[in-house]
Protein backbone atom coordinates (compact mmCIF):
# COMPACT_ATOMS: atom_id res chain seq x y z
CA MET A 1 6.32 18.66 -30.61
CA ALA A 2 8.18 19.01 -27.34
CA ILE A 3 7.12 17.18 -24.20
CA SER A 4 6.21 19.48 -21.33
CA GLU A 5 8.07 19.35 -18.05
CA GLU A 6 4.87 18.20 -16.36
CA THR A 7 4.53 15.30 -18.79
CA LYS A 8 8.19 14.35 -18.29
CA TYR A 9 7.67 14.41 -14.54
CA THR A 10 4.55 12.24 -14.82
CA ILE A 11 6.36 9.70 -17.00
CA GLN A 12 9.32 9.55 -14.60
CA LYS A 13 7.03 9.22 -11.57
CA ASN A 14 5.00 6.43 -13.18
CA ARG A 15 8.19 4.59 -14.13
CA ALA A 16 9.50 4.93 -10.56
CA LEU A 17 6.18 3.67 -9.13
CA ARG A 18 6.22 0.63 -11.44
CA GLU A 19 9.81 -0.12 -10.40
CA THR A 20 8.89 0.20 -6.72
CA GLN A 21 5.93 -2.12 -7.18
CA GLU A 22 8.14 -4.67 -8.96
CA ARG A 23 10.76 -4.49 -6.17
CA ALA A 24 8.06 -5.02 -3.53
CA LYS A 25 6.64 -7.95 -5.49
CA GLU A 26 10.11 -9.48 -5.81
CA LEU A 27 10.69 -9.15 -2.06
CA ILE A 28 7.38 -10.82 -1.23
CA ASP A 29 8.00 -13.54 -3.84
CA ASN A 30 11.29 -14.26 -2.06
CA LEU A 31 9.49 -14.36 1.30
CA ILE A 32 6.90 -16.74 -0.16
CA ASP A 33 9.67 -18.99 -1.51
CA LEU A 34 11.33 -18.95 1.91
CA SER A 35 7.98 -19.77 3.56
CA ASN A 36 7.46 -22.81 1.34
CA VAL A 37 8.28 -25.23 4.17
CA LEU A 38 6.10 -27.22 6.52
CA ASP A 39 8.62 -27.37 9.34
CA ASP A 40 7.41 -25.40 12.38
CA ASP A 41 10.95 -24.53 13.48
CA THR A 42 11.73 -23.02 10.09
CA GLN A 43 8.44 -21.09 10.09
CA LYS A 44 9.27 -19.73 13.56
CA ALA A 45 12.75 -18.71 12.37
CA ILE A 46 11.17 -16.81 9.46
CA GLN A 47 8.70 -15.07 11.79
CA GLU A 48 11.45 -14.12 14.24
CA GLY A 49 13.63 -12.84 11.39
CA ILE A 50 10.81 -10.62 10.13
CA ALA A 51 10.13 -9.27 13.62
CA GLN A 52 13.85 -8.74 14.30
CA SER A 53 14.26 -6.80 11.07
CA LEU A 54 11.30 -4.58 11.96
CA VAL A 55 12.60 -3.92 15.47
CA GLU A 56 16.14 -3.16 14.28
CA ASN A 57 15.03 -0.58 11.73
CA HIS A 58 14.22 3.08 12.23
CA ARG A 59 10.94 3.49 14.10
CA THR A 60 9.34 5.59 11.38
CA LEU A 61 10.25 2.86 8.89
CA GLN A 62 8.79 0.23 11.23
CA GLN A 63 5.53 2.13 11.21
CA SER A 64 5.60 2.66 7.46
CA THR A 65 6.25 -1.05 6.88
CA VAL A 66 3.41 -2.16 9.15
CA CYS A 67 1.14 0.33 7.40
CA ASN A 68 2.13 -1.09 4.01
CA LEU A 69 1.48 -4.64 5.24
CA HIS A 70 -1.92 -3.58 6.59
CA GLU A 71 -2.88 -1.95 3.29
CA ALA A 72 -1.60 -4.96 1.32
CA LEU A 73 -3.80 -7.25 3.44
CA LYS A 74 -6.78 -5.03 2.60
CA ILE A 75 -6.11 -5.62 -1.10
CA TYR A 76 -5.43 -9.33 -0.54
CA SER A 77 -8.71 -9.70 1.38
CA LYS A 78 -10.59 -9.35 -1.91
CA THR A 79 -8.83 -12.29 -3.58
CA ASP A 80 -10.50 -15.52 -4.64
CA THR A 81 -10.31 -18.36 -2.15
CA ASP A 82 -10.24 -22.10 -2.01
CA PRO A 83 -9.43 -24.30 0.99
CA ARG A 84 -5.67 -23.69 0.57
CA ASN A 85 -5.86 -19.94 1.26
CA GLN A 86 -9.30 -19.53 2.82
CA SER A 87 -8.02 -18.98 6.35
CA ALA A 88 -5.46 -16.41 5.17
CA VAL A 89 -8.09 -14.48 3.21
CA GLU A 90 -10.51 -14.59 6.15
CA PHE A 91 -7.75 -13.23 8.39
CA ALA A 92 -7.02 -10.47 5.87
CA GLN A 93 -10.74 -9.62 5.78
CA LYS A 94 -10.77 -9.24 9.56
CA VAL A 95 -7.64 -7.08 9.47
CA SER A 96 -9.25 -4.97 6.72
CA GLU A 97 -12.04 -4.04 9.10
CA ILE A 98 -9.53 -2.41 11.44
CA GLU A 99 -9.27 1.30 10.79
CA HIS A 100 -5.96 2.63 12.06
CA TYR A 101 -4.05 5.81 11.34
CA PHE A 102 -0.30 5.42 10.88
CA PRO A 103 1.23 8.91 11.09
CA THR A 104 4.55 9.64 9.45
CA ILE A 105 6.68 11.13 12.19
């Protein structure tokens, strides 16, 4: 039995989505590893590097990235907490309450 073009497309799309999700996870894992320091100067350097990268990229991509971060925080806001991440989850919960439209221009 032959696979329909629609089924082939769906399989390819799902594979591409899984790969994209894995790439995003890998990038954030690297950021988490980089953030695994208690030194304020290093934390500030990380924050400035993130902001600089945003600013130096195409404005539509800046907006898309901020939108993705906002949506990721909405998902994160539902995670389990303990004292080590409680403040971060509470922040994400507050951010989740913000409704904002990010148009693709």
